[in-house]
């Protein structure tokens, strides 16, 4: 387990879900994206192929009896369905349930199933994003490697359908930044931001990279631009609050965390904001 992954686990325990998406590599100088701004990851294991994983592959906790009942009912309906339209509805419902229960790998599994039925850009991108989210929460290196491979394969499939899908390119970049080829990810991000300086996915990813390299002022610039474009980008506000906090600007950090707590509908973002507010007040 890398030092950065250990840090992520500590942060997750201390602040529940704060900074859950930080990549597992340090960027020394985000301002020099095209040069020697990345430390190579020390991991030496080979990259896996994007093989299908079981939906409960990495769960370290179980569902409640009521939750299990809901899931089993939908699974039964899905397995017995002979109608593609209904199968899509059941699979999508399962993805939503697992997302609600924060079992992100299972949610991604069913998102991918939906995409396999429809074979379109939107559902394939949704599946790729779901695997990326599962990757960001993965606690085990083996699971993370498999989830990363799945995300990369699906993002590449999206780009084959639409080479101009910049959000897919920006998120694909982050799967490389956290692996054995970080400069490839950095270069992809640079391409996206050059093509569209207002791409929100690229802005938040670049802001996160600035946080990992302790360039908090640079991170704040990225997040401020993001929030200017989308005032309800709660994940971006959470990161901006963290950057303000690390810069010693507690009042501004508190304001951002308070807005996230009140405005976001995401439980993990609300919980992280609440924990940081408690930290600031203590």
C-alpha atoms as a PDB file:
ATOM      1  CA  UNK A   1       0.000   0.000   0.000  1.00  0.00           C
ATOM      2  CA  UNK A   2       1.428   3.390  -0.965  1.00  0.00           C
ATOM      3  CA  UNK A   3       1.935   6.185   1.530  1.00  0.00           C
ATOM      4  CA  UNK A   4      -0.611   8.297  -0.304  1.00  0.00           C
ATOM      5  CA  UNK A   5      -3.215   5.511  -0.132  1.00  0.00           C
ATOM      6  CA  UNK A   6      -2.591   5.202   3.614  1.00  0.00           C
ATOM      7  CA  UNK A   7      -3.103   8.961   3.863  1.00  0.00           C
ATOM      8  CA  UNK A   8      -6.389   8.616   1.993  1.00  0.00           C
ATOM      9  CA  UNK A   9      -7.598   5.987   4.456  1.00  0.00           C
ATOM     10  CA  UNK A  10      -6.614   8.158   7.417  1.00  0.00           C
ATOM     11  CA  UNK A  11      -8.433  11.109   5.880  1.00  0.00           C
ATOM     12  CA  UNK A  12     -11.465   8.964   5.227  1.00  0.00           C
ATOM     13  CA  UNK A  13     -11.581   7.895   8.850  1.00  0.00           C
ATOM     14  CA  UNK A  14     -10.944  11.387  10.178  1.00  0.00           C
ATOM     15  CA  UNK A  15     -13.169  13.294   7.797  1.00  0.00           C
ATOM     16  CA  UNK A  16     -15.355  10.468   6.428  1.00  0.00           C
ATOM     17  CA  UNK A  17     -15.160  11.256   2.741  1.00  0.00           C
ATOM     18  CA  UNK A  18     -13.065  14.371   2.506  1.00  0.00           C
ATOM     19  CA  UNK A  19     -10.595  14.436  -0.344  1.00  0.00           C
ATOM     20  CA  UNK A  20     -11.698  10.945  -1.422  1.00  0.00           C
ATOM     21  CA  UNK A  21     -10.647  11.584  -5.001  1.00  0.00           C
ATOM     22  CA  UNK A  22      -7.017  12.581  -4.459  1.00  0.00           C
ATOM     23  CA  UNK A  23      -4.853  10.645  -6.919  1.00  0.00           C
ATOM     24  CA  UNK A  24      -2.239   8.250  -5.587  1.00  0.00           C
ATOM     25  CA  UNK A  25       0.747  10.236  -6.880  1.00  0.00           C
ATOM     26  CA  UNK A  26       2.383  13.526  -5.977  1.00  0.00           C
ATOM     27  CA  UNK A  27       2.652  16.266  -8.586  1.00  0.00           C
ATOM     28  CA  UNK A  28       5.601  18.444  -7.735  1.00  0.00           C
ATOM     29  CA  UNK A  29       4.717  21.400  -9.938  1.00  0.00           C
ATOM     30  CA  UNK A  30       1.297  21.527 -11.562  1.00  0.00           C
ATOM     31  CA  UNK A  31       2.315  24.758 -13.313  1.00  0.00           C
ATOM     32  CA  UNK A  32       4.787  22.742 -15.398  1.00  0.00           C
ATOM     33  CA  UNK A  33       2.409  20.073 -16.628  1.00  0.00           C
ATOM     34  CA  UNK A  34       4.407  19.343 -19.752  1.00  0.00           C
ATOM     35  CA  UNK A  35       7.771  18.949 -18.029  1.00  0.00           C
ATOM     36  CA  UNK A  36       9.156  17.077 -15.023  1.00  0.00           C
ATOM     37  CA  UNK A  37       6.221  17.832 -12.755  1.00  0.00           C
ATOM     38  CA  UNK A  38       5.358  14.281 -11.702  1.00  0.00           C
ATOM     39  CA  UNK A  39       6.980  11.715  -9.484  1.00  0.00           C
ATOM     40  CA  UNK A  40       6.734   8.208 -10.908  1.00  0.00           C
ATOM     41  CA  UNK A  41       4.702   5.787  -8.808  1.00  0.00           C
ATOM     42  CA  UNK A  42       6.887   3.208  -7.147  1.00  0.00           C
ATOM     43  CA  UNK A  43       4.494   0.334  -7.826  1.00  0.00           C
ATOM     44  CA  UNK A  44       5.928  -2.323 -10.169  1.00  0.00           C
ATOM     45  CA  UNK A  45       2.954  -4.622 -10.726  1.00  0.00           C
ATOM     46  CA  UNK A  46       1.777  -4.987 -14.321  1.00  0.00           C
ATOM     47  CA  UNK A  47      -1.420  -3.375 -15.503  1.00  0.00           C
ATOM     48  CA  UNK A  48      -4.379  -5.817 -15.545  1.00  0.00           C
ATOM     49  CA  UNK A  49      -6.718  -6.273 -18.432  1.00  0.00           C
ATOM     50  CA  UNK A  50     -10.215  -4.869 -17.995  1.00  0.00           C
ATOM     51  CA  UNK A  51     -11.870  -8.116 -16.967  1.00  0.00           C
ATOM     52  CA  UNK A  52     -15.373  -8.190 -15.560  1.00  0.00           C
ATOM     53  CA  UNK A  53     -15.451  -8.121 -11.775  1.00  0.00           C
ATOM     54  CA  UNK A  54     -18.180  -9.419  -9.547  1.00  0.00           C
ATOM     55  CA  UNK A  55     -20.465  -6.787  -8.176  1.00  0.00           C
ATOM     56  CA  UNK A  56     -19.531  -7.385  -4.526  1.00  0.00           C
ATOM     57  CA  UNK A  57     -15.827  -7.939  -5.154  1.00  0.00           C
ATOM     58  CA  UNK A  58     -14.405  -5.420  -2.684  1.00  0.00           C
ATOM     59  CA  UNK A  59     -17.095  -4.898  -0.080  1.00  0.00           C
ATOM     60  CA  UNK A  60     -15.731  -4.757   3.444  1.00  0.00           C
ATOM     61  CA  UNK A  61     -19.171  -4.405   5.012  1.00  0.00           C
ATOM     62  CA  UNK A  62     -22.631  -5.852   4.466  1.00  0.00           C
ATOM     63  CA  UNK A  63     -26.064  -4.495   3.713  1.00  0.00           C
ATOM     64  CA  UNK A  64     -28.803  -4.353   6.295  1.00  0.00           C
ATOM     65  CA  UNK A  65     -31.561  -6.934   6.089  1.00  0.00           C
ATOM     66  CA  UNK A  66     -33.953  -4.435   4.519  1.00  0.00           C
ATOM     67  CA  UNK A  67     -31.365  -3.261   2.009  1.00  0.00           C
ATOM     68  CA  UNK A  68     -30.512  -6.841   1.093  1.00  0.00           C
ATOM     69  CA  UNK A  69     -34.187  -7.548   0.515  1.00  0.00           C
ATOM     70  CA  UNK A  70     -34.487  -4.626  -1.898  1.00  0.00           C
ATOM     71  CA  UNK A  71     -31.398  -5.728  -3.787  1.00  0.00           C
ATOM     72  CA  UNK A  72     -32.470  -9.384  -3.963  1.00  0.00           C
ATOM     73  CA  UNK A  73     -35.880  -8.454  -5.349  1.00  0.00           C
ATOM     74  CA  UNK A  74     -34.328  -6.423  -8.153  1.00  0.00           C
ATOM     75  CA  UNK A  75     -31.696  -9.073  -8.869  1.00  0.00           C
ATOM     76  CA  UNK A  76     -34.423 -11.699  -9.212  1.00  0.00           C
ATOM     77  CA  UNK A  77     -36.382  -9.473 -11.580  1.00  0.00           C
ATOM     78  CA  UNK A  78     -33.264  -8.794 -13.634  1.00  0.00           C
ATOM     79  CA  UNK A  79     -32.250 -12.444 -13.908  1.00  0.00           C
ATOM     80  CA  UNK A  80     -35.731 -13.549 -14.943  1.00  0.00           C
ATOM     81  CA  UNK A  81     -36.315 -10.706 -17.385  1.00  0.00           C
ATOM     82  CA  UNK A  82     -36.640 -11.622 -21.056  1.00  0.00           C
ATOM     83  CA  UNK A  83     -37.258  -8.025 -22.096  1.00  0.00           C
ATOM     84  CA  UNK A  84     -34.277  -5.743 -22.745  1.00  0.00           C
ATOM     85  CA  UNK A  85     -36.116  -2.559 -21.827  1.00  0.00           C
ATOM     86  CA  UNK A  86     -37.134  -4.006 -18.464  1.00  0.00           C
ATOM     87  CA  UNK A  87     -33.641  -5.411 -17.915  1.00  0.00           C
ATOM     88  CA  UNK A  88     -32.217  -1.941 -18.397  1.00  0.00           C
ATOM     89  CA  UNK A  89     -34.674  -0.532 -15.856  1.00  0.00           C
ATOM     90  CA  UNK A  90     -33.823  -3.227 -13.283  1.00  0.00           C
ATOM     91  CA  UNK A  91     -30.049  -2.859 -13.812  1.00  0.00           C
ATOM     92  CA  UNK A  92     -30.250   0.919 -13.548  1.00  0.00           C
ATOM     93  CA  UNK A  93     -32.338   0.620 -10.378  1.00  0.00           C
ATOM     94  CA  UNK A  94     -29.713  -1.689  -8.858  1.00  0.00           C
ATOM     95  CA  UNK A  95     -26.987   0.785  -9.793  1.00  0.00           C
ATOM     96  CA  UNK A  96     -28.945   3.515  -8.044  1.00  0.00           C
ATOM     97  CA  UNK A  97     -29.474   1.438  -4.910  1.00  0.00           C
ATOM     98  CA  UNK A  98     -25.826   0.516  -4.600  1.00  0.00           C
ATOM     99  CA  UNK A  99     -24.863   4.158  -5.191  1.00  0.00           C
ATOM    100  CA  UNK A 100     -27.252   5.121  -2.397  1.00  0.00           C
ATOM    101  CA  UNK A 101     -25.640   2.529  -0.100  1.00  0.00           C
ATOM    102  CA  UNK A 102     -22.140   3.762  -1.064  1.00  0.00           C
ATOM    103  CA  UNK A 103     -21.220   0.411  -2.623  1.00  0.00           C
ATOM    104  CA  UNK A 104     -19.650   2.063  -5.610  1.00  0.00           C
ATOM    105  CA  UNK A 105     -18.105  -1.001  -7.254  1.00  0.00           C
ATOM    106  CA  UNK A 106     -21.488  -2.723  -7.441  1.00  0.00           C
ATOM    107  CA  UNK A 107     -23.092   0.462  -8.730  1.00  0.00           C
ATOM    108  CA  UNK A 108     -20.470   0.587 -11.481  1.00  0.00           C
ATOM    109  CA  UNK A 109     -21.068  -3.080 -12.357  1.00  0.00           C
ATOM    110  CA  UNK A 110     -24.742  -2.397 -13.090  1.00  0.00           C
ATOM    111  CA  UNK A 111     -23.999   0.891 -14.838  1.00  0.00           C
ATOM    112  CA  UNK A 112     -21.750  -1.087 -17.162  1.00  0.00           C
ATOM    113  CA  UNK A 113     -24.524  -3.637 -17.687  1.00  0.00           C
ATOM    114  CA  UNK A 114     -26.865  -0.837 -18.772  1.00  0.00           C
ATOM    115  CA  UNK A 115     -24.187   0.436 -21.149  1.00  0.00           C
ATOM    116  CA  UNK A 116     -23.735  -3.053 -22.607  1.00  0.00           C
ATOM    117  CA  UNK A 117     -27.422  -3.064 -23.541  1.00  0.00           C
ATOM    118  CA  UNK A 118     -27.588   0.432 -25.010  1.00  0.00           C
ATOM    119  CA  UNK A 119     -24.057   0.803 -26.407  1.00  0.00           C
ATOM    120  CA  UNK A 120     -24.306   4.585 -26.531  1.00  0.00           C
ATOM    121  CA  UNK A 121     -22.061   7.436 -25.444  1.00  0.00           C
ATOM    122  CA  UNK A 122     -24.100   8.637 -22.467  1.00  0.00           C
ATOM    123  CA  UNK A 123     -24.447   5.290 -20.677  1.00  0.00           C
ATOM    124  CA  UNK A 124     -20.871   4.261 -21.457  1.00  0.00           C
ATOM    125  CA  UNK A 125     -19.619   7.532 -19.981  1.00  0.00           C
ATOM    126  CA  UNK A 126     -21.850   7.030 -16.929  1.00  0.00           C
ATOM    127  CA  UNK A 127     -20.364   3.556 -16.438  1.00  0.00           C
ATOM    128  CA  UNK A 128     -16.816   4.878 -16.799  1.00  0.00           C
ATOM    129  CA  UNK A 129     -17.511   7.632 -14.252  1.00  0.00           C
ATOM    130  CA  UNK A 130     -19.007   5.056 -11.889  1.00  0.00           C
ATOM    131  CA  UNK A 131     -15.856   2.924 -12.075  1.00  0.00           C
ATOM    132  CA  UNK A 132     -13.718   5.997 -11.476  1.00  0.00           C
ATOM    133  CA  UNK A 133     -15.739   6.791  -8.365  1.00  0.00           C
ATOM    134  CA  UNK A 134     -15.346   3.191  -7.186  1.00  0.00           C
ATOM    135  CA  UNK A 135     -11.604   3.466  -7.833  1.00  0.00           C
ATOM    136  CA  UNK A 136     -11.397   6.592  -5.697  1.00  0.00           C
ATOM    137  CA  UNK A 137     -12.958   4.720  -2.762  1.00  0.00           C
ATOM    138  CA  UNK A 138     -11.083   1.427  -3.224  1.00  0.00           C
ATOM    139  CA  UNK A 139      -9.106   0.376  -0.155  1.00  0.00           C
ATOM    140  CA  UNK A 140      -7.267  -2.578  -1.672  1.00  0.00           C
ATOM    141  CA  UNK A 141      -4.584  -2.289  -4.344  1.00  0.00           C
ATOM    142  CA  UNK A 142      -5.794  -5.315  -6.309  1.00  0.00           C
ATOM    143  CA  UNK A 143      -9.329  -3.953  -6.481  1.00  0.00           C
ATOM    144  CA  UNK A 144      -8.048  -0.502  -7.413  1.00  0.00           C
ATOM    145  CA  UNK A 145      -6.029  -1.924 -10.302  1.00  0.00           C
ATOM    146  CA  UNK A 146      -9.031  -3.775 -11.699  1.00  0.00           C
ATOM    147  CA  UNK A 147     -11.381  -0.806 -11.308  1.00  0.00           C
ATOM    148  CA  UNK A 148      -8.839   1.478 -12.973  1.00  0.00           C
ATOM    149  CA  UNK A 149      -8.576  -0.871 -15.950  1.00  0.00           C
ATOM    150  CA  UNK A 150     -12.355  -0.957 -16.288  1.00  0.00           C
ATOM    151  CA  UNK A 151     -12.601   2.832 -16.152  1.00  0.00           C
ATOM    152  CA  UNK A 152      -9.851   3.247 -18.747  1.00  0.00           C
ATOM    153  CA  UNK A 153     -11.469   0.775 -21.131  1.00  0.00           C
ATOM    154  CA  UNK A 154     -14.845   2.487 -20.895  1.00  0.00           C
ATOM    155  CA  UNK A 155     -13.441   6.020 -21.253  1.00  0.00           C
ATOM    156  CA  UNK A 156     -11.541   4.879 -24.331  1.00  0.00           C
ATOM    157  CA  UNK A 157     -14.770   3.399 -25.709  1.00  0.00           C
ATOM    158  CA  UNK A 158     -16.465   6.770 -25.213  1.00  0.00           C
ATOM    159  CA  UNK A 159     -13.648   8.537 -27.048  1.00  0.00           C
ATOM    160  CA  UNK A 160     -13.949   6.095 -29.924  1.00  0.00           C
ATOM    161  CA  UNK A 161     -17.608   7.116 -30.195  1.00  0.00           C
ATOM    162  CA  UNK A 162     -16.846  10.811 -29.749  1.00  0.00           C
ATOM    163  CA  UNK A 163     -13.203  11.984 -29.837  1.00  0.00           C
ATOM    164  CA  UNK A 164     -14.346  15.443 -28.697  1.00  0.00           C
ATOM    165  CA  UNK A 165     -15.809  14.198 -25.395  1.00  0.00           C
ATOM    166  CA  UNK A 166     -13.495  16.275 -23.177  1.00  0.00           C
ATOM    167  CA  UNK A 167     -14.972  15.190 -19.848  1.00  0.00           C
ATOM    168  CA  UNK A 168     -14.085  11.604 -20.720  1.00  0.00           C
ATOM    169  CA  UNK A 169     -10.546  12.678 -21.634  1.00  0.00           C
ATOM    170  CA  UNK A 170     -10.142  14.658 -18.407  1.00  0.00           C
ATOM    171  CA  UNK A 171     -11.258  11.771 -16.224  1.00  0.00           C
ATOM    172  CA  UNK A 172      -9.282   9.228 -18.225  1.00  0.00           C
ATOM    173  CA  UNK A 173      -6.260  11.381 -17.424  1.00  0.00           C
ATOM    174  CA  UNK A 174      -6.777  10.884 -13.703  1.00  0.00           C
ATOM    175  CA  UNK A 175      -6.643   7.100 -14.048  1.00  0.00           C
ATOM    176  CA  UNK A 176      -3.128   7.469 -15.452  1.00  0.00           C
ATOM    177  CA  UNK A 177      -1.991  10.113 -12.960  1.00  0.00           C
ATOM    178  CA  UNK A 178      -2.612   7.675 -10.131  1.00  0.00           C
ATOM    179  CA  UNK A 179      -0.772   4.788 -11.812  1.00  0.00           C
ATOM    180  CA  UNK A 180       2.487   3.863 -13.476  1.00  0.00           C
ATOM    181  CA  UNK A 181       2.235   6.407 -16.295  1.00  0.00           C
ATOM    182  CA  UNK A 182       1.426   9.714 -14.572  1.00  0.00           C
ATOM    183  CA  UNK A 183       2.902  11.935 -17.284  1.00  0.00           C
ATOM    184  CA  UNK A 184       0.474  10.449 -19.798  1.00  0.00           C
ATOM    185  CA  UNK A 185      -2.380  11.608 -17.583  1.00  0.00           C
ATOM    186  CA  UNK A 186      -0.867  15.039 -17.105  1.00  0.00           C
ATOM    187  CA  UNK A 187      -0.427  15.483 -20.839  1.00  0.00           C
ATOM    188  CA  UNK A 188      -4.037  14.498 -21.495  1.00  0.00           C
ATOM    189  CA  UNK A 189      -5.210  17.062 -18.943  1.00  0.00           C
ATOM    190  CA  UNK A 190      -3.063  19.686 -20.587  1.00  0.00           C
ATOM    191  CA  UNK A 191      -4.641  18.912 -23.950  1.00  0.00           C
ATOM    192  CA  UNK A 192      -8.132  19.263 -22.498  1.00  0.00           C
ATOM    193  CA  UNK A 193      -7.507  22.579 -20.758  1.00  0.00           C
ATOM    194  CA  UNK A 194      -5.819  23.999 -23.863  1.00  0.00           C
ATOM    195  CA  UNK A 195      -8.805  23.037 -25.988  1.00  0.00           C
ATOM    196  CA  UNK A 196     -11.357  24.269 -23.454  1.00  0.00           C
ATOM    197  CA  UNK A 197     -10.036  26.451 -20.589  1.00  0.00           C
ATOM    198  CA  UNK A 198     -13.496  26.298 -18.972  1.00  0.00           C
ATOM    199  CA  UNK A 199     -13.850  22.534 -18.915  1.00  0.00           C
ATOM    200  CA  UNK A 200     -15.146  21.866 -15.422  1.00  0.00           C
ATOM    201  CA  UNK A 201     -13.833  18.315 -15.191  1.00  0.00           C
ATOM    202  CA  UNK A 202     -10.335  19.415 -16.132  1.00  0.00           C
ATOM    203  CA  UNK A 203     -10.479  22.366 -13.721  1.00  0.00           C
ATOM    204  CA  UNK A 204     -11.393  20.229 -10.719  1.00  0.00           C
ATOM    205  CA  UNK A 205      -8.789  17.610 -11.633  1.00  0.00           C
ATOM    206  CA  UNK A 206      -6.088  20.252 -11.985  1.00  0.00           C
ATOM    207  CA  UNK A 207      -7.169  21.746  -8.674  1.00  0.00           C
ATOM    208  CA  UNK A 208      -6.833  18.350  -7.017  1.00  0.00           C
ATOM    209  CA  UNK A 209      -3.353  17.925  -8.467  1.00  0.00           C
ATOM    210  CA  UNK A 210      -2.405  21.325  -7.054  1.00  0.00           C
ATOM    211  CA  UNK A 211      -3.624  20.186  -3.626  1.00  0.00           C
ATOM    212  CA  UNK A 212      -1.480  17.048  -3.756  1.00  0.00           C
ATOM    213  CA  UNK A 213       1.578  19.186  -4.456  1.00  0.00           C
ATOM    214  CA  UNK A 214       0.668  21.655  -1.671  1.00  0.00           C
ATOM    215  CA  UNK A 215       0.128  24.471  -4.185  1.00  0.00           C
ATOM    216  CA  UNK A 216      -2.977  25.680  -2.382  1.00  0.00           C
ATOM    217  CA  UNK A 217      -3.072  29.148  -3.944  1.00  0.00           C
ATOM    218  CA  UNK A 218      -3.001  27.557  -7.393  1.00  0.00           C
ATOM    219  CA  UNK A 219      -5.693  25.106  -6.324  1.00  0.00           C
ATOM    220  CA  UNK A 220      -7.872  27.968  -5.096  1.00  0.00           C
ATOM    221  CA  UNK A 221      -7.522  29.681  -8.483  1.00  0.00           C
ATOM    222  CA  UNK A 222      -8.733  26.543 -10.230  1.00  0.00           C
ATOM    223  CA  UNK A 223     -11.659  26.023  -7.874  1.00  0.00           C
ATOM    224  CA  UNK A 224     -12.689  29.675  -7.920  1.00  0.00           C
ATOM    225  CA  UNK A 225     -12.917  29.500 -11.706  1.00  0.00           C
ATOM    226  CA  UNK A 226     -14.890  26.267 -11.417  1.00  0.00           C
ATOM    227  CA  UNK A 227     -17.347  27.803  -8.961  1.00  0.00           C
ATOM    228  CA  UNK A 228     -17.676  30.871 -11.144  1.00  0.00           C
ATOM    229  CA  UNK A 229     -18.810  28.556 -13.932  1.00  0.00           C
ATOM    230  CA  UNK A 230     -20.963  26.366 -11.674  1.00  0.00           C
ATOM    231  CA  UNK A 231     -21.865  27.797  -8.239  1.00  0.00           C
ATOM    232  CA  UNK A 232     -23.514  24.482  -7.270  1.00  0.00           C
ATOM    233  CA  UNK A 233     -20.457  22.355  -7.922  1.00  0.00           C
ATOM    234  CA  UNK A 234     -20.396  21.087  -4.337  1.00  0.00           C
ATOM    235  CA  UNK A 235     -17.418  18.776  -4.744  1.00  0.00           C
ATOM    236  CA  UNK A 236     -15.418  21.707  -6.059  1.00  0.00           C
ATOM    237  CA  UNK A 237     -16.533  23.846  -3.110  1.00  0.00           C
ATOM    238  CA  UNK A 238     -15.436  21.124  -0.699  1.00  0.00           C
ATOM    239  CA  UNK A 239     -11.979  21.000  -2.241  1.00  0.00           C
ATOM    240  CA  UNK A 240     -11.791  24.795  -2.318  1.00  0.00           C
ATOM    241  CA  UNK A 241     -12.681  24.880   1.369  1.00  0.00           C
ATOM    242  CA  UNK A 242      -9.878  22.433   2.074  1.00  0.00           C
ATOM    243  CA  UNK A 243      -7.433  24.544   0.067  1.00  0.00           C
ATOM    244  CA  UNK A 244      -8.504  27.655   1.974  1.00  0.00           C
ATOM    245  CA  UNK A 245      -8.104  25.791   5.267  1.00  0.00           C
ATOM    246  CA  UNK A 246      -4.598  24.654   4.373  1.00  0.00           C
ATOM    247  CA  UNK A 247      -3.777  28.245   3.399  1.00  0.00           C
ATOM    248  CA  UNK A 248      -4.785  29.464   6.857  1.00  0.00           C
ATOM    249  CA  UNK A 249      -7.969  31.184   5.630  1.00  0.00           C
ATOM    250  CA  UNK A 250     -10.318  29.569   8.116  1.00  0.00           C
ATOM    251  CA  UNK A 251     -13.216  31.984   7.714  1.00  0.00           C
ATOM    252  CA  UNK A 252     -13.376  31.440   3.951  1.00  0.00           C
ATOM    253  CA  UNK A 253     -12.939  27.704   4.413  1.00  0.00           C
ATOM    254  CA  UNK A 254     -15.799  27.649   6.900  1.00  0.00           C
ATOM    255  CA  UNK A 255     -18.025  29.519   4.476  1.00  0.00           C
ATOM    256  CA  UNK A 256     -17.371  26.981   1.740  1.00  0.00           C
ATOM    257  CA  UNK A 257     -17.925  23.979   4.007  1.00  0.00           C
ATOM    258  CA  UNK A 258     -21.145  25.484   5.310  1.00  0.00           C
ATOM    259  CA  UNK A 259     -22.427  25.945   1.756  1.00  0.00           C
ATOM    260  CA  UNK A 260     -21.577  22.342   0.901  1.00  0.00           C
ATOM    261  CA  UNK A 261     -23.310  21.026   4.004  1.00  0.00           C
ATOM    262  CA  UNK A 262     -26.476  22.975   3.264  1.00  0.00           C
ATOM    263  CA  UNK A 263     -26.533  22.682  -0.501  1.00  0.00           C
ATOM    264  CA  UNK A 264     -25.197  19.265  -1.442  1.00  0.00           C
ATOM    265  CA  UNK A 265     -27.428  16.190  -1.670  1.00  0.00           C
ATOM    266  CA  UNK A 266     -24.413  13.859  -1.542  1.00  0.00           C
ATOM    267  CA  UNK A 267     -24.116  12.240   1.925  1.00  0.00           C
ATOM    268  CA  UNK A 268     -20.346  11.834   1.733  1.00  0.00           C
ATOM    269  CA  UNK A 269     -19.835  15.488   0.796  1.00  0.00           C
ATOM    270  CA  UNK A 270     -22.184  16.652   3.548  1.00  0.00           C
ATOM    271  CA  UNK A 271     -20.405  14.462   6.087  1.00  0.00           C
ATOM    272  CA  UNK A 272     -16.968  15.671   5.034  1.00  0.00           C
ATOM    273  CA  UNK A 273     -18.057  19.315   5.203  1.00  0.00           C
ATOM    274  CA  UNK A 274     -19.621  18.768   8.625  1.00  0.00           C
ATOM    275  CA  UNK A 275     -16.428  17.198   9.968  1.00  0.00           C
ATOM    276  CA  UNK A 276     -14.294  20.056   8.710  1.00  0.00           C
ATOM    277  CA  UNK A 277     -16.685  22.563  10.275  1.00  0.00           C
ATOM    278  CA  UNK A 278     -16.329  20.750  13.599  1.00  0.00           C
ATOM    279  CA  UNK A 279     -12.553  20.752  13.184  1.00  0.00           C
ATOM    280  CA  UNK A 280     -12.501  24.507  12.557  1.00  0.00           C
ATOM    281  CA  UNK A 281     -14.771  25.242  15.522  1.00  0.00           C
ATOM    282  CA  UNK A 282     -12.728  23.145  17.952  1.00  0.00           C
END
